[in-house]
Amino acid sequence: MKKSLIALAAGAFALGAAEFVMMGILPQTAHAMSVSIPQAGHFISSYAIGVCVGTLMLVFGRKLPPKSLVLIFMVLIVVGNTFSALSANAGMLIVARFIAGLPHGAFFGTAAYIAKLTAEPGKEAQAMAVTVTGQTVANMLGVPGAPSCRNTCLGGPLSHFWPSGEPPPSSWSCGGCPTYQPCPIPACADSSASSSAGAPG
């Protein structure tokens, strides 16, 4: 198998995990960002808007070599997800998710084109399938596995987006353990209710 196809599949995995993992950690993220769960839905919407806007990059960048386009998309993936992991409030996370969504659709279109160009004659479909496999693996393993293996004392919910796999510095405390702890869905609801009840009128 060509290394280029593995690299494209890795990019597809990163995009697939970044897109869908938010659905699995939405209550915890809402709790960490001090917003309600319906308001936290904007974290998903902003990514989707980024996907729609990002497809225009193929229009304006049509004269660039496909390899250059993919490299630009990968930079946006790293930047968007790094800022997502470092977000200190809901507004920052919405902007970061928008940036992370920009390369999504454009990447898959360009990756499929590169896979076709680099494939041996008669194996174009197989090459494209290998590329899309990254998205499949992300949906089967990355998305369901991320909340269980990352939402621990190693980092808060946004550490899923940390490219290096380490928790963001904003989640560290002086004792070396992050201040954020996992918040079960009922506890999040109770916390939100108690916060509203204790707020001054």
Protein backbone atom coordinates (compact mmCIF):
# COMPACT_ATOMS: atom_id res chain seq x y z
CA MET A 1 0.00 0.00 0.00
CA LYS A 2 1.35 3.42 -0.92
CA LYS A 3 2.36 5.75 1.89
CA SER A 4 0.45 8.58 0.24
CA LEU A 5 -2.81 6.68 0.67
CA ILE A 6 -2.05 6.02 4.34
CA ALA A 7 -1.38 9.74 4.84
CA LEU A 8 -4.68 10.63 3.19
CA ALA A 9 -6.50 8.05 5.32
CA ALA A 10 -4.91 9.56 8.44
CA GLY A 11 -6.23 12.96 7.42
CA ALA A 12 -9.69 11.48 6.90
CA PHE A 13 -9.49 9.91 10.36
CA ALA A 14 -8.59 13.25 11.96
CA LEU A 15 -11.48 15.00 10.23
CA GLY A 16 -13.98 12.27 11.06
CA ALA A 17 -13.02 12.17 14.72
CA ALA A 18 -13.01 15.96 15.06
CA GLU A 19 -16.42 16.25 13.43
CA PHE A 20 -18.36 13.62 15.34
CA VAL A 21 -16.66 13.40 18.74
CA MET A 22 -18.44 16.57 19.88
CA MET A 23 -21.78 14.73 19.80
CA GLY A 24 -20.48 12.27 22.39
CA ILE A 25 -19.11 14.87 24.79
CA LEU A 26 -21.68 17.64 24.33
CA PRO A 27 -23.05 17.59 27.92
CA GLN A 28 -19.55 17.59 29.40
CA THR A 29 -18.42 20.34 27.05
CA ALA A 30 -21.49 22.42 27.91
CA HIS A 31 -20.64 22.01 31.58
CA ALA A 32 -16.99 22.97 31.02
CA MET A 33 -17.94 26.03 28.92
CA SER A 34 -20.67 27.10 31.39
CA VAL A 35 -23.47 27.01 28.83
CA SER A 36 -26.65 24.98 28.48
CA ILE A 37 -26.72 21.85 26.33
CA PRO A 38 -28.93 23.51 23.67
CA GLN A 39 -26.47 26.42 23.50
CA ALA A 40 -23.60 23.94 23.21
CA GLY A 41 -25.27 22.70 20.02
CA HIS A 42 -23.69 25.73 18.35
CA PHE A 43 -20.35 23.92 18.67
CA ILE A 44 -21.69 21.37 16.19
CA SER A 45 -23.40 23.94 13.96
CA SER A 46 -20.26 26.09 13.67
CA TYR A 47 -18.31 23.08 12.39
CA ALA A 48 -21.03 22.36 9.82
CA ILE A 49 -20.99 25.99 8.64
CA GLY A 50 -17.21 25.75 8.31
CA VAL A 51 -17.61 22.68 6.10
CA CYS A 52 -19.97 24.57 3.79
CA VAL A 53 -17.79 27.68 3.58
CA GLY A 54 -14.60 25.65 3.22
CA THR A 55 -15.69 24.05 -0.03
CA LEU A 56 -15.16 27.43 -1.68
CA MET A 57 -11.42 26.87 -1.20
CA LEU A 58 -11.58 24.42 -4.09
CA VAL A 59 -13.00 27.19 -6.29
CA PHE A 60 -10.38 29.78 -5.39
CA GLY A 61 -7.55 27.27 -5.12
CA ARG A 62 -8.25 25.31 -8.29
CA LYS A 63 -4.98 26.46 -9.85
CA LEU A 64 -2.89 25.13 -6.95
CA PRO A 65 -1.37 21.63 -7.11
CA PRO A 66 -3.50 19.05 -5.23
CA LYS A 67 -0.59 18.30 -2.89
CA SER A 68 -0.37 21.96 -1.87
CA LEU A 69 -4.11 22.06 -1.25
CA VAL A 70 -3.98 19.00 1.00
CA LEU A 71 -1.10 20.51 2.99
CA ILE A 72 -3.12 23.71 3.48
CA PHE A 73 -6.08 21.64 4.65
CA MET A 74 -3.93 19.71 7.12
CA VAL A 75 -2.59 22.98 8.59
CA LEU A 76 -6.17 24.15 9.09
CA ILE A 77 -7.04 20.85 10.78
CA VAL A 78 -4.17 21.23 13.25
CA VAL A 79 -4.87 24.92 13.90
CA GLY A 80 -8.63 24.45 14.33
CA ASN A 81 -8.35 21.49 16.67
CA THR A 82 -5.52 23.03 18.67
CA PHE A 83 -7.59 26.13 19.29
CA SER A 84 -10.56 23.90 20.15
CA ALA A 85 -8.48 22.19 22.82
CA LEU A 86 -7.25 25.53 24.18
CA SER A 87 -10.63 27.30 24.13
CA ALA A 88 -11.36 29.07 27.38
CA ASN A 89 -14.98 29.98 26.65
CA ALA A 90 -17.88 29.15 24.36
CA GLY A 91 -17.16 31.97 21.90
CA MET A 92 -13.60 30.81 21.34
CA LEU A 93 -14.74 27.24 20.86
CA ILE A 94 -17.36 28.25 18.28
CA VAL A 95 -14.71 30.09 16.24
CA ALA A 96 -12.24 27.21 16.64
CA ARG A 97 -14.81 24.66 15.50
CA PHE A 98 -15.59 26.82 12.46
CA ILE A 99 -11.89 26.85 11.52
CA ALA A 100 -11.63 23.10 12.09
CA GLY A 101 -14.57 22.50 9.75
CA LEU A 102 -13.21 24.59 6.87
CA PRO A 103 -11.02 21.88 5.30
CA HIS A 104 -13.49 19.01 5.75
CA GLY A 105 -15.37 18.80 2.45
CA ALA A 106 -12.53 20.23 0.39
CA PHE A 107 -10.10 17.69 1.84
CA PHE A 108 -12.20 14.67 0.90
CA GLY A 109 -12.70 15.93 -2.65
CA THR A 110 -9.02 16.64 -3.15
CA ALA A 111 -7.95 13.41 -1.42
CA ALA A 112 -10.17 11.35 -3.70
CA TYR A 113 -8.65 13.07 -6.73
CA ILE A 114 -5.08 12.43 -5.51
CA ALA A 115 -5.92 8.80 -4.74
CA LYS A 116 -7.18 8.36 -8.29
CA LEU A 117 -4.07 9.96 -9.78
CA THR A 118 -1.62 7.89 -7.74
CA ALA A 119 -3.43 4.58 -8.15
CA GLU A 120 -2.31 1.90 -10.54
CA PRO A 121 -4.47 1.45 -13.63
CA GLY A 122 -7.65 -0.39 -12.75
CA LYS A 123 -7.23 0.16 -8.99
CA GLU A 124 -8.57 3.71 -8.73
CA ALA A 125 -11.66 2.63 -6.77
CA GLN A 126 -9.54 0.64 -4.32
CA ALA A 127 -7.26 3.62 -3.71
CA MET A 128 -10.23 5.89 -3.03
CA ALA A 129 -11.70 3.28 -0.68
CA VAL A 130 -8.46 3.17 1.32
CA THR A 131 -8.58 6.96 1.69
CA VAL A 132 -12.18 6.97 2.93
CA THR A 133 -11.37 4.12 5.34
CA GLY A 134 -9.92 6.75 7.68
CA GLN A 135 -13.40 8.21 8.13
CA THR A 136 -14.83 4.74 8.74
CA VAL A 137 -12.25 3.92 11.41
CA ALA A 138 -12.90 7.29 13.04
CA ASN A 139 -16.63 6.54 13.26
CA MET A 140 -16.13 2.99 14.54
CA LEU A 141 -13.23 3.47 16.95
CA GLY A 142 -12.17 7.10 17.32
CA VAL A 143 -15.53 8.68 18.10
CA PRO A 144 -16.89 6.11 20.61
CA GLY A 145 -13.45 5.50 22.13
CA ALA A 146 -12.47 9.11 22.67
CA PRO A 147 -14.87 9.93 25.53
CA SER A 148 -13.98 6.79 27.47
CA CYS A 149 -10.21 7.06 27.14
CA ARG A 150 -9.70 10.86 27.22
CA ASN A 151 -12.44 12.17 29.54
CA THR A 152 -10.48 11.18 32.63
CA CYS A 153 -7.99 12.82 34.97
CA LEU A 154 -5.71 13.20 31.93
CA GLY A 155 -7.71 16.13 30.60
CA GLY A 156 -11.10 17.75 30.14
CA PRO A 157 -13.56 17.10 27.34
CA LEU A 158 -11.79 19.41 24.89
CA SER A 159 -8.56 17.40 25.16
CA HIS A 160 -10.03 15.15 22.44
CA PHE A 161 -9.04 17.85 19.97
CA TRP A 162 -5.43 18.19 21.21
CA PRO A 163 -3.33 17.07 18.19
CA SER A 164 -0.40 15.76 20.23
CA GLY A 165 -2.65 13.60 22.38
CA GLU A 166 -1.71 15.53 25.52
CA PRO A 167 -4.19 17.53 27.59
CA PRO A 168 -4.24 21.28 26.94
CA PRO A 169 -2.19 23.45 29.33
CA SER A 170 -5.36 25.30 30.34
CA SER A 171 -6.58 22.10 32.02
CA TRP A 172 -3.52 21.70 34.23
CA SER A 173 -3.42 22.74 37.87
CA CYS A 174 -0.44 23.39 40.14
CA GLY A 175 -0.67 19.85 41.44
CA GLY A 176 -0.30 18.38 37.98
CA CYS A 177 -3.88 17.15 37.78
CA PRO A 178 -6.47 19.06 35.69
CA THR A 179 -9.11 21.02 37.55
CA TYR A 180 -11.86 19.61 35.33
CA GLN A 181 -13.39 16.25 36.23
CA PRO A 182 -15.76 14.14 34.16
CA CYS A 183 -19.36 15.22 34.51
CA PRO A 184 -22.08 12.59 34.04
CA ILE A 185 -25.17 13.84 32.23
CA PRO A 186 -27.43 13.92 35.35
CA ALA A 187 -24.74 15.75 37.30
CA CYS A 188 -24.44 18.32 34.53
CA ALA A 189 -28.16 18.95 34.68
CA ASP A 190 -28.10 19.22 38.46
CA SER A 191 -25.12 21.55 38.32
CA SER A 192 -26.82 23.81 35.79
CA ALA A 193 -30.00 23.86 37.85
CA SER A 194 -28.18 24.69 41.07
CA SER A 195 -26.17 27.40 39.34
CA SER A 196 -29.36 29.02 38.04
CA ALA A 197 -31.02 28.80 41.43
CA GLY A 198 -28.02 30.34 43.17
CA ALA A 199 -27.61 33.18 40.70
CA PRO A 200 -28.56 36.63 42.05
CA GLY A 201 -31.82 37.99 40.66
